Amino acid sequence: MKIRTGFVSNSSSSSFICNLCGEDYSGYDACLEDADMRTCGEHIFCTSHMKKVFDPDSMTLEQKIQLLKDFYGDNLTYKELLEIQTEEDWEENQQSEIFEDVCEDMKSELPEEFCPICSFDRIDNSTEVKYYRKILNVTSWQTAKELKAKFTSYGEFKEFVK
């Protein structure tokens, strides 16, 4: 990690770290796509960790319609979706344009079903810690107290967890 001292300009550099493997990427005016990473809004992950890849070009008409319904949820104002039976209906009702807009939005934030952490295909350390704290009914303060009593140094702890 870089630590800047002295004058720091308002740069447009960005950096991203995968919640699963720790892979990091940084660059000037970088975005998640540049890093070959995605987000669900809560987690950042490399696309290589995705079991289910979002590929709008290979979707059937039914999948496209379902995606729009899922995306708009209860706020679905596009009644025309119900009338779409063919690709021609899709084009006539301008759903392809709406679909393209949704796909563009999804480049920056995917639904939970595409996130390997949200779908529990993989778990990150944070999720694991939260889960075990809950089922063991242990606080971080209690864990720190126990670690302090059991180990004389962090190096000793690292050897223990190997």
Protein backbone atom coordinates (compact mmCIF):
# COMPACT_ATOMS: atom_id res chain seq x y z
CA MET A 1 0.00 0.00 0.00
CA LYS A 2 1.32 3.44 -0.89
CA ILE A 3 1.35 6.08 1.80
CA ARG A 4 1.58 9.56 0.41
CA THR A 5 3.07 12.38 2.40
CA GLY A 6 3.23 16.06 1.66
CA PHE A 7 1.01 17.54 -1.02
CA VAL A 8 -1.45 15.10 -2.55
CA SER A 9 -3.41 16.20 -5.56
CA ASN A 10 -6.99 15.23 -6.19
CA SER A 11 -6.04 12.38 -8.48
CA SER A 12 -8.42 10.09 -10.29
CA SER A 13 -6.67 6.88 -9.38
CA SER A 14 -8.76 3.94 -8.24
CA SER A 15 -7.92 0.65 -6.64
CA PHE A 16 -9.90 -2.52 -6.13
CA ILE A 17 -9.28 -5.63 -4.03
CA CYS A 18 -11.06 -8.94 -4.57
CA ASN A 19 -12.85 -10.02 -1.38
CA LEU A 20 -12.02 -13.66 -2.14
CA CYS A 21 -8.43 -13.93 -3.32
CA GLY A 22 -7.00 -10.55 -2.37
CA GLU A 23 -6.00 -9.74 -5.96
CA ASP A 24 -5.59 -6.00 -6.25
CA TYR A 25 -5.71 -3.58 -9.13
CA SER A 26 -5.09 0.12 -9.30
CA GLY A 27 -4.89 2.60 -12.10
CA TYR A 28 -5.63 6.09 -13.26
CA ASP A 29 -9.34 6.48 -14.06
CA ALA A 30 -9.68 2.71 -13.56
CA CYS A 31 -12.99 0.93 -13.26
CA LEU A 32 -13.91 -2.59 -12.17
CA GLU A 33 -14.05 -3.77 -15.78
CA ASP A 34 -10.42 -2.68 -16.27
CA ALA A 35 -9.52 -4.87 -13.29
CA ASP A 36 -11.62 -7.77 -14.66
CA MET A 37 -13.64 -7.51 -11.46
CA ARG A 38 -17.32 -7.02 -10.68
CA THR A 39 -19.45 -6.03 -7.71
CA CYS A 40 -22.89 -6.82 -6.38
CA GLY A 41 -22.83 -3.55 -4.47
CA GLU A 42 -21.51 -5.20 -1.33
CA HIS A 43 -18.64 -7.39 -2.51
CA ILE A 44 -15.89 -6.94 -5.08
CA PHE A 45 -14.67 -10.08 -6.83
CA CYS A 46 -12.63 -11.22 -9.83
CA THR A 47 -14.79 -12.41 -12.71
CA SER A 48 -12.85 -15.71 -12.55
CA HIS A 49 -14.66 -16.48 -9.26
CA MET A 50 -18.08 -16.17 -10.87
CA LYS A 51 -19.79 -19.51 -11.38
CA LYS A 52 -22.59 -17.87 -13.33
CA VAL A 53 -21.42 -15.24 -15.82
CA PHE A 54 -23.68 -12.44 -16.98
CA ASP A 55 -23.74 -12.73 -20.77
CA PRO A 56 -26.64 -10.77 -22.31
CA ASP A 57 -25.77 -11.89 -25.86
CA SER A 58 -26.52 -15.54 -25.11
CA MET A 59 -29.83 -14.92 -23.30
CA THR A 60 -33.14 -16.17 -24.66
CA LEU A 61 -36.11 -13.83 -25.03
CA GLU A 62 -37.67 -15.35 -21.88
CA GLN A 63 -34.45 -14.75 -19.91
CA LYS A 64 -34.29 -11.14 -21.12
CA ILE A 65 -37.89 -10.53 -20.05
CA GLN A 66 -37.25 -12.16 -16.67
CA LEU A 67 -34.15 -10.02 -16.20
CA LEU A 68 -36.16 -6.84 -16.77
CA LYS A 69 -38.85 -8.05 -14.36
CA ASP A 70 -36.19 -8.86 -11.74
CA PHE A 71 -34.39 -5.56 -12.29
CA TYR A 72 -37.48 -3.38 -11.99
CA GLY A 73 -39.17 -5.50 -9.33
CA ASP A 74 -42.35 -3.96 -7.93
CA ASN A 75 -41.65 -0.75 -9.84
CA LEU A 76 -42.18 -2.50 -13.16
CA THR A 77 -44.01 0.09 -15.22
CA TYR A 78 -43.39 -1.64 -18.52
CA LYS A 79 -46.76 -3.32 -19.05
CA GLU A 80 -45.62 -4.05 -22.61
CA LEU A 81 -43.45 -6.82 -21.19
CA LEU A 82 -46.56 -8.89 -20.65
CA GLU A 83 -47.50 -8.53 -24.30
CA ILE A 84 -44.15 -9.63 -25.72
CA GLN A 85 -44.36 -12.99 -27.42
CA THR A 86 -41.75 -12.73 -30.20
CA GLU A 87 -38.47 -10.97 -30.99
CA GLU A 88 -40.47 -8.59 -33.24
CA ASP A 89 -42.70 -7.62 -30.29
CA TRP A 90 -39.51 -7.08 -28.28
CA GLU A 91 -38.12 -4.65 -30.86
CA GLU A 92 -41.48 -2.91 -31.46
CA ASN A 93 -41.96 -2.15 -27.77
CA GLN A 94 -38.40 -0.80 -27.55
CA GLN A 95 -37.55 -3.37 -24.89
CA SER A 96 -34.18 -3.98 -26.53
CA GLU A 97 -33.18 -0.38 -25.70
CA ILE A 98 -34.38 -0.74 -22.11
CA PHE A 99 -32.61 -4.09 -21.87
CA GLU A 100 -29.35 -2.53 -23.13
CA ASP A 101 -29.65 0.18 -20.47
CA VAL A 102 -30.17 -2.45 -17.77
CA CYS A 103 -27.17 -4.45 -19.05
CA GLU A 104 -25.05 -1.30 -18.96
CA ASP A 105 -26.12 -0.71 -15.33
CA MET A 106 -25.26 -4.31 -14.52
CA LYS A 107 -21.69 -3.82 -15.70
CA SER A 108 -21.16 -1.76 -12.58
CA GLU A 109 -23.44 -3.65 -10.19
CA LEU A 110 -24.64 -7.22 -10.69
CA PRO A 111 -27.61 -8.84 -8.95
CA GLU A 112 -26.78 -11.05 -5.94
CA GLU A 113 -27.29 -14.24 -7.95
CA PHE A 114 -24.11 -13.47 -9.92
CA CYS A 115 -22.03 -12.75 -6.82
CA PRO A 116 -20.10 -15.83 -5.65
CA ILE A 117 -20.25 -14.58 -2.05
CA CYS A 118 -23.95 -13.62 -1.93
CA SER A 119 -24.89 -16.93 -3.58
CA PHE A 120 -22.64 -18.80 -1.10
CA ASP A 121 -20.62 -20.49 -3.86
CA ARG A 122 -17.59 -19.13 -2.01
CA ILE A 123 -17.28 -17.20 1.23
CA ASP A 124 -14.95 -14.42 2.23
CA ASN A 125 -13.32 -14.11 5.64
CA SER A 126 -15.74 -11.44 6.80
CA THR A 127 -18.77 -13.66 6.12
CA GLU A 128 -17.12 -16.60 7.86
CA VAL A 129 -16.24 -14.54 10.95
CA LYS A 130 -19.76 -13.08 11.17
CA TYR A 131 -21.29 -16.54 10.89
CA TYR A 132 -19.12 -18.17 13.57
CA ARG A 133 -19.43 -15.22 15.92
CA LYS A 134 -23.20 -15.56 15.70
CA ILE A 135 -23.45 -19.33 16.16
CA LEU A 136 -20.78 -19.38 18.89
CA ASN A 137 -22.24 -16.26 20.52
CA VAL A 138 -18.80 -14.65 20.83
CA THR A 139 -17.85 -10.98 20.58
CA SER A 140 -14.61 -9.62 19.13
CA TRP A 141 -13.68 -8.42 22.63
CA GLN A 142 -14.03 -11.98 23.98
CA THR A 143 -11.96 -13.35 21.09
CA ALA A 144 -9.21 -10.78 21.71
CA LYS A 145 -9.17 -11.65 25.42
CA GLU A 146 -8.88 -15.36 24.66
CA LEU A 147 -6.11 -14.82 22.08
CA LYS A 148 -4.17 -12.66 24.53
CA ALA A 149 -4.37 -15.40 27.17
CA LYS A 150 -3.40 -18.17 24.73
CA PHE A 151 -0.61 -16.60 22.65
CA THR A 152 2.39 -14.42 23.52
CA SER A 153 2.73 -12.94 20.01
CA TYR A 154 0.97 -12.66 16.68
CA GLY A 155 3.74 -14.78 15.15
CA GLU A 156 2.85 -17.58 17.58
CA PHE A 157 -0.82 -17.24 16.56
CA LYS A 158 0.12 -17.44 12.83
CA GLU A 159 2.02 -20.68 13.49
CA PHE A 160 -1.04 -22.05 15.31
CA VAL A 161 -3.44 -21.36 12.44
CA LYS A 162 -1.16 -22.79 9.72
